[in-house]
Amino acid sequence: LVARSHAELPVCIVRPSIVCPAWEEPVPGWVDNLNGPVGVM
């Protein structure tokens, strides 16, 4: 849907992999859920 809207709108797509806790910001290690590898650990 986004790709087909490119002709009329300035759109782009970002594809993050598995998002894990923050490295530095806003505080090191910030996370608010235990989904994925962090929950397993």
PDB file of all heavy atoms in Angstrom:
ATOM      1  N   LEU A   1       0.831  -1.201   0.000  1.00  0.00           N
ATOM      2  CA  LEU A   1       0.000   0.000   0.000  1.00  0.00           C
ATOM      3  C   LEU A   1       0.867   1.254   0.000  1.00  0.00           C
ATOM      4  O   LEU A   1       0.589   2.224  -0.708  1.00  0.00           O
ATOM      5  CB  LEU A   1      -0.921   0.001   1.218  1.00  0.00           C
ATOM      6  CG  LEU A   1      -1.974  -1.117   1.295  1.00  0.00           C
ATOM      7  CD1 LEU A   1      -2.714  -1.048   2.625  1.00  0.00           C
ATOM      8  CD2 LEU A   1      -2.958  -1.017   0.134  1.00  0.00           C
ATOM      9  N   VAL A   2       1.926   1.231   0.795  1.00  0.00           N
ATOM     10  CA  VAL A   2       2.829   2.380   0.865  1.00  0.00           C
ATOM     11  C   VAL A   2       3.570   2.550  -0.456  1.00  0.00           C
ATOM     12  O   VAL A   2       3.691   3.672  -0.981  1.00  0.00           O
ATOM     13  CB  VAL A   2       3.825   2.211   2.027  1.00  0.00           C
ATOM     14  CG1 VAL A   2       4.816   3.374   2.062  1.00  0.00           C
ATOM     15  CG2 VAL A   2       3.094   2.108   3.361  1.00  0.00           C
ATOM     16  N   ALA A   3       4.064   1.449  -1.018  1.00  0.00           N
ATOM     17  CA  ALA A   3       4.824   1.522  -2.269  1.00  0.00           C
ATOM     18  C   ALA A   3       3.979   2.100  -3.399  1.00  0.00           C
ATOM     19  O   ALA A   3       4.464   2.897  -4.211  1.00  0.00           O
ATOM     20  CB  ALA A   3       5.339   0.130  -2.629  1.00  0.00           C
ATOM     21  N   ARG A   4       2.705   1.714  -3.463  1.00  0.00           N
ATOM     22  CA  ARG A   4       1.835   2.206  -4.531  1.00  0.00           C
ATOM     23  C   ARG A   4       1.420   3.663  -4.326  1.00  0.00           C
ATOM     24  O   ARG A   4       0.913   4.297  -5.242  1.00  0.00           O
ATOM     25  CB  ARG A   4       0.607   1.301  -4.656  1.00  0.00           C
ATOM     26  CG  ARG A   4       0.931  -0.027  -5.325  1.00  0.00           C
ATOM     27  CD  ARG A   4      -0.314  -0.796  -5.706  1.00  0.00           C
ATOM     28  NE  ARG A   4      -0.870  -1.553  -4.588  1.00  0.00           N
ATOM     29  CZ  ARG A   4      -2.127  -1.456  -4.173  1.00  0.00           C
ATOM     30  NH1 ARG A   4      -2.956  -0.598  -4.739  1.00  0.00           N
ATOM     31  NH2 ARG A   4      -2.559  -2.195  -3.178  1.00  0.00           N
ATOM     32  N   SER A   5       1.633   4.173  -3.103  1.00  0.00           N
ATOM     33  CA  SER A   5       1.324   5.577  -2.835  1.00  0.00           C
ATOM     34  C   SER A   5       2.484   6.497  -3.201  1.00  0.00           C
ATOM     35  O   SER A   5       2.351   7.725  -3.124  1.00  0.00           O
ATOM     36  CB  SER A   5       0.986   5.771  -1.351  1.00  0.00           C
ATOM     37  OG  SER A   5      -0.147   5.000  -0.989  1.00  0.00           O
ATOM     38  N   HIS A   6       3.614   5.910  -3.596  1.00  0.00           N
ATOM     39  CA  HIS A   6       4.817   6.697  -3.873  1.00  0.00           C
ATOM     40  C   HIS A   6       4.602   7.700  -4.999  1.00  0.00           C
ATOM     41  O   HIS A   6       5.196   8.789  -4.987  1.00  0.00           O
ATOM     42  CB  HIS A   6       5.970   5.765  -4.216  1.00  0.00           C
ATOM     43  CG  HIS A   6       7.218   6.467  -4.643  1.00  0.00           C
ATOM     44  ND1 HIS A   6       7.952   7.272  -3.797  1.00  0.00           N
ATOM     45  CD2 HIS A   6       7.865   6.517  -5.848  1.00  0.00           C
ATOM     46  CE1 HIS A   6       8.986   7.759  -4.437  1.00  0.00           C
ATOM     47  NE2 HIS A   6       8.958   7.326  -5.685  1.00  0.00           N
ATOM     48  N   ALA A   7       3.749   7.378  -5.947  1.00  0.00           N
ATOM     49  CA  ALA A   7       3.536   8.277  -7.086  1.00  0.00           C
ATOM     50  C   ALA A   7       2.874   9.586  -6.666  1.00  0.00           C
ATOM     51  O   ALA A   7       3.079  10.627  -7.308  1.00  0.00           O
ATOM     52  CB  ALA A   7       2.681   7.572  -8.140  1.00  0.00           C
ATOM     53  N   GLU A   8       2.100   9.565  -5.572  1.00  0.00           N
ATOM     54  CA  GLU A   8       1.374  10.772  -5.165  1.00  0.00           C
ATOM     55  C   GLU A   8       1.823  11.343  -3.827  1.00  0.00           C
ATOM     56  O   GLU A   8       1.495  12.493  -3.501  1.00  0.00           O
ATOM     57  CB  GLU A   8      -0.129  10.463  -5.080  1.00  0.00           C
ATOM     58  CG  GLU A   8      -0.450   9.270  -4.202  1.00  0.00           C
ATOM     59  CD  GLU A   8      -1.939   8.991  -4.120  1.00  0.00           C
ATOM     60  OE1 GLU A   8      -2.713   9.964  -4.066  1.00  0.00           O
ATOM     61  OE2 GLU A   8      -2.309   7.803  -4.083  1.00  0.00           O
ATOM     62  N   LEU A   9       2.572  10.561  -3.032  1.00  0.00           N
ATOM     63  CA  LEU A   9       2.980  11.017  -1.716  1.00  0.00           C
ATOM     64  C   LEU A   9       4.480  10.805  -1.515  1.00  0.00           C
ATOM     65  O   LEU A   9       5.050   9.838  -2.049  1.00  0.00           O
ATOM     66  CB  LEU A   9       2.231  10.238  -0.623  1.00  0.00           C
ATOM     67  CG  LEU A   9       0.732  10.497  -0.451  1.00  0.00           C
ATOM     68  CD1 LEU A   9       0.152   9.507   0.559  1.00  0.00           C
ATOM     69  CD2 LEU A   9       0.468  11.923  -0.017  1.00  0.00           C
ATOM     70  N   PRO A  10       5.127  11.668  -0.730  1.00  0.00           N
ATOM     71  CA  PRO A  10       6.549  11.447  -0.387  1.00  0.00           C
ATOM     72  C   PRO A  10       6.659  10.421   0.743  1.00  0.00           C
ATOM     73  O   PRO A  10       6.679  10.776   1.920  1.00  0.00           O
ATOM     74  CB  PRO A  10       7.011  12.837   0.062  1.00  0.00           C
ATOM     75  CG  PRO A  10       5.768  13.481   0.616  1.00  0.00           C
ATOM     76  CD  PRO A  10       4.621  12.944  -0.191  1.00  0.00           C
ATOM     77  N   VAL A  11       6.720   9.166   0.384  1.00  0.00           N
ATOM     78  CA  VAL A  11       6.696   8.077   1.370  1.00  0.00           C
ATOM     79  C   VAL A  11       8.029   7.342   1.365  1.00  0.00           C
ATOM     80  O   VAL A  11       8.795   7.390   0.394  1.00  0.00           O
ATOM     81  CB  VAL A  11       5.555   7.075   1.079  1.00  0.00           C
ATOM     82  CG1 VAL A  11       4.204   7.740   1.209  1.00  0.00           C
ATOM     83  CG2 VAL A  11       5.719   6.456  -0.310  1.00  0.00           C
ATOM     84  N   CYS A  12       8.306   6.662   2.467  1.00  0.00           N
ATOM     85  CA  CYS A  12       9.443   5.747   2.541  1.00  0.00           C
ATOM     86  C   CYS A  12       9.126   4.658   3.557  1.00  0.00           C
ATOM     87  O   CYS A  12       8.188   4.785   4.359  1.00  0.00           O
ATOM     88  CB  CYS A  12      10.740   6.470   2.898  1.00  0.00           C
ATOM     89  SG  CYS A  12      10.854   7.045   4.599  1.00  0.00           S
ATOM     90  N   ILE A  13       9.905   3.586   3.520  1.00  0.00           N
ATOM     91  CA  ILE A  13       9.704   2.425   4.396  1.00  0.00           C
ATOM     92  C   ILE A  13      10.992   2.162   5.149  1.00  0.00           C
ATOM     93  O   ILE A  13      12.072   2.120   4.559  1.00  0.00           O
ATOM     94  CB  ILE A  13       9.305   1.178   3.577  1.00  0.00           C
ATOM     95  CG1 ILE A  13       7.982   1.400   2.841  1.00  0.00           C
ATOM     96  CG2 ILE A  13       9.217  -0.049   4.476  1.00  0.00           C
ATOM     97  CD1 ILE A  13       7.638   0.291   1.848  1.00  0.00           C
ATOM     98  N   VAL A  14      10.892   1.975   6.463  1.00  0.00           N
ATOM     99  CA  VAL A  14      12.034   1.536   7.262  1.00  0.00           C
ATOM    100  C   VAL A  14      11.708   0.156   7.820  1.00  0.00           C
ATOM    101  O   VAL A  14      10.594  -0.086   8.281  1.00  0.00           O
ATOM    102  CB  VAL A  14      12.378   2.526   8.394  1.00  0.00           C
ATOM    103  CG1 VAL A  14      12.858   3.836   7.823  1.00  0.00           C
ATOM    104  CG2 VAL A  14      11.201   2.746   9.328  1.00  0.00           C
ATOM    105  N   ARG A  15      12.694  -0.736   7.761  1.00  0.00           N
ATOM    106  CA  ARG A  15      12.495  -2.125   8.206  1.00  0.00           C
ATOM    107  C   ARG A  15      13.512  -2.469   9.302  1.00  0.00           C
ATOM    108  O   ARG A  15      14.585  -3.013   9.002  1.00  0.00           O
ATOM    109  CB  ARG A  15      12.683  -3.097   7.044  1.00  0.00           C
ATOM    110  CG  ARG A  15      11.686  -3.001   5.911  1.00  0.00           C
ATOM    111  CD  ARG A  15      12.041  -4.052   4.877  1.00  0.00           C
ATOM    112  NE  ARG A  15      11.190  -4.030   3.704  1.00  0.00           N
ATOM    113  CZ  ARG A  15      11.631  -4.228   2.468  1.00  0.00           C
ATOM    114  NH1 ARG A  15      12.937  -4.429   2.253  1.00  0.00           N
ATOM    115  NH2 ARG A  15      10.794  -4.221   1.452  1.00  0.00           N
ATOM    116  N   PRO A  16      13.220  -2.177  10.544  1.00  0.00           N
ATOM    117  CA  PRO A  16      14.141  -2.606  11.609  1.00  0.00           C
ATOM    118  C   PRO A  16      14.076  -4.115  11.810  1.00  0.00           C
ATOM    119  O   PRO A  16      13.036  -4.744  11.584  1.00  0.00           O
ATOM    120  CB  PRO A  16      13.634  -1.854  12.842  1.00  0.00           C
ATOM    121  CG  PRO A  16      12.214  -1.525  12.537  1.00  0.00           C
ATOM    122  CD  PRO A  16      12.092  -1.412  11.046  1.00  0.00           C
ATOM    123  N   SER A  17      15.204  -4.699  12.230  1.00  0.00           N
ATOM    124  CA  SER A  17      15.199  -6.111  12.602  1.00  0.00           C
ATOM    125  C   SER A  17      14.631  -6.213  14.020  1.00  0.00           C
ATOM    126  O   SER A  17      13.816  -5.380  14.412  1.00  0.00           O
ATOM    127  CB  SER A  17      16.605  -6.703  12.490  1.00  0.00           C
ATOM    128  OG  SER A  17      17.527  -5.956  13.262  1.00  0.00           O
ATOM    129  N   ILE A  18      15.040  -7.188  14.811  1.00  0.00           N
ATOM    130  CA  ILE A  18      14.493  -7.329  16.163  1.00  0.00           C
ATOM    131  C   ILE A  18      14.996  -6.163  17.012  1.00  0.00           C
ATOM    132  O   ILE A  18      16.194  -6.013  17.237  1.00  0.00           O
ATOM    133  CB  ILE A  18      14.914  -8.671  16.791  1.00  0.00           C
ATOM    134  CG1 ILE A  18      14.421  -9.831  15.919  1.00  0.00           C
ATOM    135  CG2 ILE A  18      14.352  -8.797  18.198  1.00  0.00           C
ATOM    136  CD1 ILE A  18      14.888 -11.201  16.405  1.00  0.00           C
ATOM    137  N   VAL A  19      14.065  -5.323  17.457  1.00  0.00           N
ATOM    138  CA  VAL A  19      14.431  -4.131  18.226  1.00  0.00           C
ATOM    139  C   VAL A  19      14.654  -4.528  19.688  1.00  0.00           C
ATOM    140  O   VAL A  19      13.758  -5.065  20.344  1.00  0.00           O
ATOM    141  CB  VAL A  19      13.341  -3.046  18.129  1.00  0.00           C
ATOM    142  CG1 VAL A  19      13.705  -1.837  18.981  1.00  0.00           C
ATOM    143  CG2 VAL A  19      13.151  -2.635  16.667  1.00  0.00           C
ATOM    144  N   CYS A  20      15.855  -4.255  20.183  1.00  0.00           N
ATOM    145  CA  CYS A  20      16.251  -4.612  21.549  1.00  0.00           C
ATOM    146  C   CYS A  20      16.521  -3.334  22.351  1.00  0.00           C
ATOM    147  O   CYS A  20      16.466  -2.236  21.806  1.00  0.00           O
ATOM    148  CB  CYS A  20      17.482  -5.513  21.508  1.00  0.00           C
ATOM    149  SG  CYS A  20      17.119  -7.186  20.905  1.00  0.00           S
ATOM    150  N   PRO A  21      16.787  -3.439  23.649  1.00  0.00           N
ATOM    151  CA  PRO A  21      16.952  -2.239  24.490  1.00  0.00           C
ATOM    152  C   PRO A  21      17.954  -1.230  23.944  1.00  0.00           C
ATOM    153  O   PRO A  21      18.836  -1.559  23.147  1.00  0.00           O
ATOM    154  CB  PRO A  21      17.411  -2.820  25.830  1.00  0.00           C
ATOM    155  CG  PRO A  21      16.788  -4.167  25.877  1.00  0.00           C
ATOM    156  CD  PRO A  21      16.841  -4.672  24.460  1.00  0.00           C
ATOM    157  N   ALA A  22      17.816  -0.005  24.398  1.00  0.00           N
ATOM    158  CA  ALA A  22      18.628   1.103  23.906  1.00  0.00           C
ATOM    159  C   ALA A  22      20.095   0.926  24.298  1.00  0.00           C
ATOM    160  O   ALA A  22      20.410   0.434  25.380  1.00  0.00           O
ATOM    161  CB  ALA A  22      18.098   2.423  24.455  1.00  0.00           C
ATOM    162  N   TRP A  23      20.966   1.369  23.408  1.00  0.00           N
ATOM    163  CA  TRP A  23      22.396   1.381  23.705  1.00  0.00           C
ATOM    164  C   TRP A  23      22.738   2.568  24.612  1.00  0.00           C
ATOM    165  O   TRP A  23      23.374   2.408  25.643  1.00  0.00           O
ATOM    166  CB  TRP A  23      23.183   1.431  22.410  1.00  0.00           C
ATOM    167  CG  TRP A  23      24.642   1.767  22.527  1.00  0.00           C
ATOM    168  CD1 TRP A  23      25.287   2.828  21.966  1.00  0.00           C
ATOM    169  CD2 TRP A  23      25.650   1.030  23.231  1.00  0.00           C
ATOM    170  NE1 TRP A  23      26.624   2.805  22.278  1.00  0.00           N
ATOM    171  CE2 TRP A  23      26.880   1.707  23.067  1.00  0.00           C
ATOM    172  CE3 TRP A  23      25.636  -0.133  23.996  1.00  0.00           C
ATOM    173  CZ2 TRP A  23      28.077   1.271  23.624  1.00  0.00           C
ATOM    174  CZ3 TRP A  23      26.835  -0.579  24.565  1.00  0.00           C
ATOM    175  CH2 TRP A  23      28.028   0.115  24.383  1.00  0.00           C
ATOM    176  N   GLU A  24      22.282   3.760  24.245  1.00  0.00           N
ATOM    177  CA  GLU A  24      22.612   4.970  25.013  1.00  0.00           C
ATOM    178  C   GLU A  24      21.398   5.804  25.392  1.00  0.00           C
ATOM    179  O   GLU A  24      21.338   6.342  26.489  1.00  0.00           O
ATOM    180  CB  GLU A  24      23.582   5.854  24.218  1.00  0.00           C
ATOM    181  CG  GLU A  24      24.983   5.311  24.089  1.00  0.00           C
ATOM    182  CD  GLU A  24      25.896   6.266  23.329  1.00  0.00           C
ATOM    183  OE1 GLU A  24      25.429   6.891  22.350  1.00  0.00           O
ATOM    184  OE2 GLU A  24      27.060   6.387  23.714  1.00  0.00           O
ATOM    185  N   GLU A  25      20.457   5.945  24.456  1.00  0.00           N
ATOM    186  CA  GLU A  25      19.388   6.926  24.644  1.00  0.00           C
ATOM    187  C   GLU A  25      18.013   6.259  24.715  1.00  0.00           C
ATOM    188  O   GLU A  25      17.793   5.239  24.061  1.00  0.00           O
ATOM    189  CB  GLU A  25      19.377   7.902  23.470  1.00  0.00           C
ATOM    190  CG  GLU A  25      20.662   8.668  23.244  1.00  0.00           C
ATOM    191  CD  GLU A  25      20.543   9.565  22.042  1.00  0.00           C
ATOM    192  OE1 GLU A  25      20.615   9.044  20.904  1.00  0.00           O
ATOM    193  OE2 GLU A  25      20.339  10.769  22.219  1.00  0.00           O
ATOM    194  N   PRO A  26      17.115   6.872  25.450  1.00  0.00           N
ATOM    195  CA  PRO A  26      17.256   8.047  26.317  1.00  0.00           C
ATOM    196  C   PRO A  26      18.029   7.744  27.603  1.00  0.00           C
ATOM    197  O   PRO A  26      18.597   8.635  28.209  1.00  0.00           O
ATOM    198  CB  PRO A  26      15.818   8.429  26.630  1.00  0.00           C
ATOM    199  CG  PRO A  26      15.079   7.135  26.531  1.00  0.00           C
ATOM    200  CD  PRO A  26      15.747   6.356  25.442  1.00  0.00           C
ATOM    201  N   VAL A  27      18.044   6.480  28.005  1.00  0.00           N
ATOM    202  CA  VAL A  27      18.930   6.000  29.071  1.00  0.00           C
ATOM    203  C   VAL A  27      19.416   4.620  28.635  1.00  0.00           C
ATOM    204  O   VAL A  27      18.686   3.871  27.983  1.00  0.00           O
ATOM    205  CB  VAL A  27      18.214   5.912  30.440  1.00  0.00           C
ATOM    206  CG1 VAL A  27      17.965   7.284  31.014  1.00  0.00           C
ATOM    207  CG2 VAL A  27      16.913   5.120  30.333  1.00  0.00           C
ATOM    208  N   PRO A  28      20.661   4.267  28.948  1.00  0.00           N
ATOM    209  CA  PRO A  28      21.166   2.953  28.533  1.00  0.00           C
ATOM    210  C   PRO A  28      20.281   1.815  29.035  1.00  0.00           C
ATOM    211  O   PRO A  28      19.878   1.780  30.195  1.00  0.00           O
ATOM    212  CB  PRO A  28      22.562   2.901  29.182  1.00  0.00           C
ATOM    213  CG  PRO A  28      22.958   4.332  29.330  1.00  0.00           C
ATOM    214  CD  PRO A  28      21.689   5.064  29.645  1.00  0.00           C
ATOM    215  N   GLY A  29      19.961   0.904  28.108  1.00  0.00           N
ATOM    216  CA  GLY A  29      19.175  -0.269  28.475  1.00  0.00           C
ATOM    217  C   GLY A  29      17.689  -0.049  28.538  1.00  0.00           C
ATOM    218  O   GLY A  29      16.949  -0.969  28.906  1.00  0.00           O
ATOM    219  N   TRP A  30      17.205   1.142  28.145  1.00  0.00           N
ATOM    220  CA  TRP A  30      15.768   1.398  28.243  1.00  0.00           C
ATOM    221  C   TRP A  30      14.973   0.413  27.392  1.00  0.00           C
ATOM    222  O   TRP A  30      15.256   0.161  26.232  1.00  0.00           O
ATOM    223  CB  TRP A  30      15.417   2.819  27.809  1.00  0.00           C
ATOM    224  CG  TRP A  30      13.952   2.978  27.510  1.00  0.00           C
ATOM    225  CD1 TRP A  30      13.365   3.041  26.291  1.00  0.00           C
ATOM    226  CD2 TRP A  30      12.895   3.032  28.467  1.00  0.00           C
ATOM    227  NE1 TRP A  30      12.013   3.141  26.420  1.00  0.00           N
ATOM    228  CE2 TRP A  30      11.687   3.135  27.747  1.00  0.00           C
ATOM    229  CE3 TRP A  30      12.852   2.998  29.859  1.00  0.00           C
ATOM    230  CZ2 TRP A  30      10.448   3.219  28.371  1.00  0.00           C
ATOM    231  CZ3 TRP A  30      11.609   3.081  30.490  1.00  0.00           C
ATOM    232  CH2 TRP A  30      10.433   3.190  29.749  1.00  0.00           C
ATOM    233  N   VAL A  31      13.937  -0.165  27.990  1.00  0.00           N
ATOM    234  CA  VAL A  31      13.006  -1.056  27.304  1.00  0.00           C
ATOM    235  C   VAL A  31      11.747  -1.109  28.152  1.00  0.00           C
ATOM    236  O   VAL A  31      11.819  -0.939  29.379  1.00  0.00           O
ATOM    237  CB  VAL A  31      13.617  -2.467  27.108  1.00  0.00           C
ATOM    238  CG1 VAL A  31      13.833  -3.166  28.453  1.00  0.00           C
ATOM    239  CG2 VAL A  31      12.770  -3.335  26.191  1.00  0.00           C
ATOM    240  N   ASP A  32      10.596  -1.307  27.524  1.00  0.00           N
ATOM    241  CA  ASP A  32       9.363  -1.347  28.310  1.00  0.00           C
ATOM    242  C   ASP A  32       8.574  -2.634  28.112  1.00  0.00           C
ATOM    243  O   ASP A  32       7.418  -2.733  28.512  1.00  0.00           O
ATOM    244  CB  ASP A  32       8.481  -0.133  27.997  1.00  0.00           C
ATOM    245  CG  ASP A  32       7.935  -0.153  26.570  1.00  0.00           C
ATOM    246  OD1 ASP A  32       8.311  -1.059  25.794  1.00  0.00           O
ATOM    247  OD2 ASP A  32       7.137   0.742  26.223  1.00  0.00           O
ATOM    248  N   ASN A  33       9.201  -3.643  27.489  1.00  0.00           N
ATOM    249  CA  ASN A  33       8.544  -4.936  27.358  1.00  0.00           C
ATOM    250  C   ASN A  33       9.599  -6.034  27.299  1.00  0.00           C
ATOM    251  O   ASN A  33      10.787  -5.757  27.111  1.00  0.00           O
ATOM    252  CB  ASN A  33       7.644  -4.977  26.120  1.00  0.00           C
ATOM    253  CG  ASN A  33       8.419  -4.856  24.822  1.00  0.00           C
ATOM    254  OD1 ASN A  33       9.157  -5.757  24.426  1.00  0.00           O
ATOM    255  ND2 ASN A  33       8.263  -3.720  24.135  1.00  0.00           N
ATOM    256  N   LEU A  34       9.163  -7.255  27.488  1.00  0.00           N
ATOM    257  CA  LEU A  34      10.080  -8.397  27.497  1.00  0.00           C
ATOM    258  C   LEU A  34       9.877  -9.282  26.272  1.00  0.00           C
ATOM    259  O   LEU A  34      10.013 -10.508  26.334  1.00  0.00           O
ATOM    260  CB  LEU A  34       9.873  -9.221  28.778  1.00  0.00           C
ATOM    261  CG  LEU A  34      10.318  -8.533  30.077  1.00  0.00           C
ATOM    262  CD1 LEU A  34       9.981  -9.392  31.280  1.00  0.00           C
ATOM    263  CD2 LEU A  34      11.805  -8.219  30.049  1.00  0.00           C
ATOM    264  N   ASN A  35       9.570  -8.665  25.140  1.00  0.00           N
ATOM    265  CA  ASN A  35       9.434  -9.425  23.900  1.00  0.00           C
ATOM    266  C   ASN A  35      10.810  -9.792  23.359  1.00  0.00           C
ATOM    267  O   ASN A  35      11.795  -9.100  23.600  1.00  0.00           O
ATOM    268  CB  ASN A  35       8.679  -8.600  22.852  1.00  0.00           C
ATOM    269  CG  ASN A  35       7.248  -8.314  23.278  1.00  0.00           C
ATOM    270  OD1 ASN A  35       6.652  -9.083  24.029  1.00  0.00           O
ATOM    271  ND2 ASN A  35       6.688  -7.215  22.803  1.00  0.00           N
ATOM    272  N   GLY A  36      10.874 -10.885  22.605  1.00  0.00           N
ATOM    273  CA  GLY A  36      12.092 -11.243  21.893  1.00  0.00           C
ATOM    274  C   GLY A  36      13.206 -11.759  22.778  1.00  0.00           C
ATOM    275  O   GLY A  36      12.975 -12.301  23.866  1.00  0.00           O
ATOM    276  N   PRO A  37      14.456 -11.601  22.321  1.00  0.00           N
ATOM    277  CA  PRO A  37      15.609 -12.173  23.024  1.00  0.00           C
ATOM    278  C   PRO A  37      15.759 -11.695  24.461  1.00  0.00           C
ATOM    279  O   PRO A  37      16.215 -12.456  25.325  1.00  0.00           O
ATOM    280  CB  PRO A  37      16.802 -11.708  22.169  1.00  0.00           C
ATOM    281  CG  PRO A  37      16.236 -11.451  20.819  1.00  0.00           C
ATOM    282  CD  PRO A  37      14.852 -10.940  21.059  1.00  0.00           C
ATOM    283  N   VAL A  38      15.374 -10.447  24.756  1.00  0.00           N
ATOM    284  CA  VAL A  38      15.520  -9.936  26.123  1.00  0.00           C
ATOM    285  C   VAL A  38      14.607 -10.703  27.071  1.00  0.00           C
ATOM    286  O   VAL A  38      14.990 -11.029  28.196  1.00  0.00           O
ATOM    287  CB  VAL A  38      15.218  -8.430  26.168  1.00  0.00           C
ATOM    288  CG1 VAL A  38      15.292  -7.911  27.600  1.00  0.00           C
ATOM    289  CG2 VAL A  38      16.205  -7.671  25.299  1.00  0.00           C
ATOM    290  N   GLY A  39      13.407 -11.009  26.619  1.00  0.00           N
ATOM    291  CA  GLY A  39      12.505 -11.798  27.443  1.00  0.00           C
ATOM    292  C   GLY A  39      13.039 -13.191  27.707  1.00  0.00           C
ATOM    293  O   GLY A  39      12.887 -13.739  28.813  1.00  0.00           O
ATOM    294  N   VAL A  40      13.681 -13.772  26.698  1.00  0.00           N
ATOM    295  CA  VAL A  40      14.280 -15.099  26.876  1.00  0.00           C
ATOM    296  C   VAL A  40      15.401 -15.037  27.908  1.00  0.00           C
ATOM    297  O   VAL A  40      15.496 -15.894  28.793  1.00  0.00           O
ATOM    298  CB  VAL A  40      14.819 -15.633  25.530  1.00  0.00           C
ATOM    299  CG1 VAL A  40      15.616 -16.914  25.736  1.00  0.00           C
ATOM    300  CG2 VAL A  40      13.667 -15.885  24.565  1.00  0.00           C
ATOM    301  N   MET A  41      16.252 -14.006  27.810  1.00  0.00           N
ATOM    302  CA  MET A  41      17.351 -13.895  28.770  1.00  0.00           C
ATOM    303  C   MET A  41      16.834 -13.651  30.185  1.00  0.00           C
ATOM    304  O   MET A  41      17.386 -14.170  31.160  1.00  0.00           O
ATOM    305  CB  MET A  41      18.309 -12.779  28.339  1.00  0.00           C
ATOM    306  CG  MET A  41      19.163 -13.154  27.136  1.00  0.00           C
ATOM    307  SD  MET A  41      20.513 -11.987  26.792  1.00  0.00           S
ATOM    308  CE  MET A  41      19.600 -10.626  26.081  1.00  0.00           C
TER     309      MET A  41
END
